[in-house]
């Protein structure tokens, strides 16, 4: 597996876990079956650009931030929802 895809997959799963969003809800957001989304999170399937865009929109972040969280930890991440910022601790 490509190292970059593995990192993106780990970030997707980590963000979902931290934000306590079900895999079923993310599969619906991504526009696929739950099994397919699990494969994306496990690095067994490459995420599509359109899928990453949908995920980024749900999380209130940019696609770039999902792909390049180089120096950002989940503790530093925040989620923006209708005018309020939720800090992830």
Protein backbone atom coordinates (compact mmCIF):
# COMPACT_ATOMS: atom_id res chain seq x y z
CA UNK A 1 0.00 0.00 0.00
CA UNK A 2 1.20 3.51 -0.84
CA UNK A 3 2.44 5.24 2.31
CA UNK A 4 0.47 8.43 1.56
CA UNK A 5 -2.77 6.49 1.10
CA UNK A 6 -2.10 4.69 4.38
CA UNK A 7 -1.66 8.03 6.19
CA UNK A 8 -4.84 9.47 4.67
CA UNK A 9 -6.74 6.32 5.66
CA UNK A 10 -5.45 6.56 9.23
CA UNK A 11 -6.46 10.23 9.40
CA UNK A 12 -9.96 9.49 8.12
CA UNK A 13 -10.48 6.79 10.73
CA UNK A 14 -8.88 8.86 13.48
CA UNK A 15 -11.01 11.92 12.79
CA UNK A 16 -14.17 9.82 12.64
CA UNK A 17 -13.31 8.14 15.94
CA UNK A 18 -12.46 11.41 17.68
CA UNK A 19 -15.65 13.05 16.43
CA UNK A 20 -17.66 9.94 17.36
CA UNK A 21 -19.28 9.58 13.95
CA UNK A 22 -20.42 6.11 12.94
CA UNK A 23 -18.88 4.35 9.97
CA UNK A 24 -22.39 4.01 8.53
CA UNK A 25 -22.90 7.78 8.64
CA UNK A 26 -19.55 8.38 6.93
CA UNK A 27 -20.33 5.78 4.26
CA UNK A 28 -23.56 7.64 3.54
CA UNK A 29 -21.66 10.94 3.35
CA UNK A 30 -19.04 9.36 1.08
CA UNK A 31 -21.80 7.87 -1.08
CA UNK A 32 -20.98 4.19 -0.84
CA UNK A 33 -21.76 0.99 1.00
CA UNK A 34 -20.40 0.64 4.55
CA UNK A 35 -18.01 -2.14 3.50
CA UNK A 36 -16.46 0.07 0.82
CA UNK A 37 -15.95 2.92 3.28
CA UNK A 38 -14.34 0.55 5.78
CA UNK A 39 -11.97 -0.54 3.00
CA UNK A 40 -11.06 3.14 2.43
CA UNK A 41 -10.38 3.65 6.16
CA UNK A 42 -8.30 0.47 6.26
CA UNK A 43 -6.23 1.54 3.26
CA UNK A 44 -7.53 -1.35 1.17
CA UNK A 45 -9.20 1.03 -1.31
CA UNK A 46 -8.00 4.46 -2.42
CA UNK A 47 -10.35 7.31 -1.54
CA UNK A 48 -11.73 9.25 -4.48
CA UNK A 49 -11.24 12.99 -4.77
CA UNK A 50 -15.01 13.51 -4.74
CA UNK A 51 -15.30 11.28 -1.67
CA UNK A 52 -12.56 13.20 0.15
CA UNK A 53 -14.34 16.42 -0.76
CA UNK A 54 -17.59 15.19 0.78
CA UNK A 55 -15.79 14.03 3.93
CA UNK A 56 -13.92 17.33 4.27
CA UNK A 57 -17.18 19.25 3.93
CA UNK A 58 -18.82 17.13 6.67
CA UNK A 59 -15.85 17.67 9.00
CA UNK A 60 -15.67 21.39 8.15
CA UNK A 61 -12.07 21.15 6.94
CA UNK A 62 -10.29 21.32 3.59
CA UNK A 63 -9.30 18.28 1.56
CA UNK A 64 -5.75 19.56 1.88
CA UNK A 65 -5.95 19.36 5.66
CA UNK A 66 -7.00 15.70 5.45
CA UNK A 67 -4.15 14.93 3.08
CA UNK A 68 -1.49 16.99 4.88
CA UNK A 69 -2.00 16.91 8.63
CA UNK A 70 1.80 16.82 8.94
CA UNK A 71 2.20 18.75 12.18
CA UNK A 72 -1.36 18.67 13.39
CA UNK A 73 -2.48 16.27 16.08
CA UNK A 74 -6.05 15.29 16.74
CA UNK A 75 -5.86 17.32 19.96
CA UNK A 76 -5.27 20.43 17.88
CA UNK A 77 -8.07 19.71 15.42
CA UNK A 78 -11.37 21.52 15.63
CA UNK A 79 -14.71 21.04 13.95
CA UNK A 80 -16.74 24.00 12.82
CA UNK A 81 -20.50 23.62 12.89
CA UNK A 82 -22.90 26.46 12.11
CA UNK A 83 -20.92 29.24 13.74
CA UNK A 84 -19.47 27.32 16.65
CA UNK A 85 -16.08 25.69 17.02
CA UNK A 86 -15.86 22.39 18.82
CA UNK A 87 -12.34 21.71 20.11
CA UNK A 88 -11.18 18.12 20.08
CA UNK A 89 -9.29 17.29 23.25
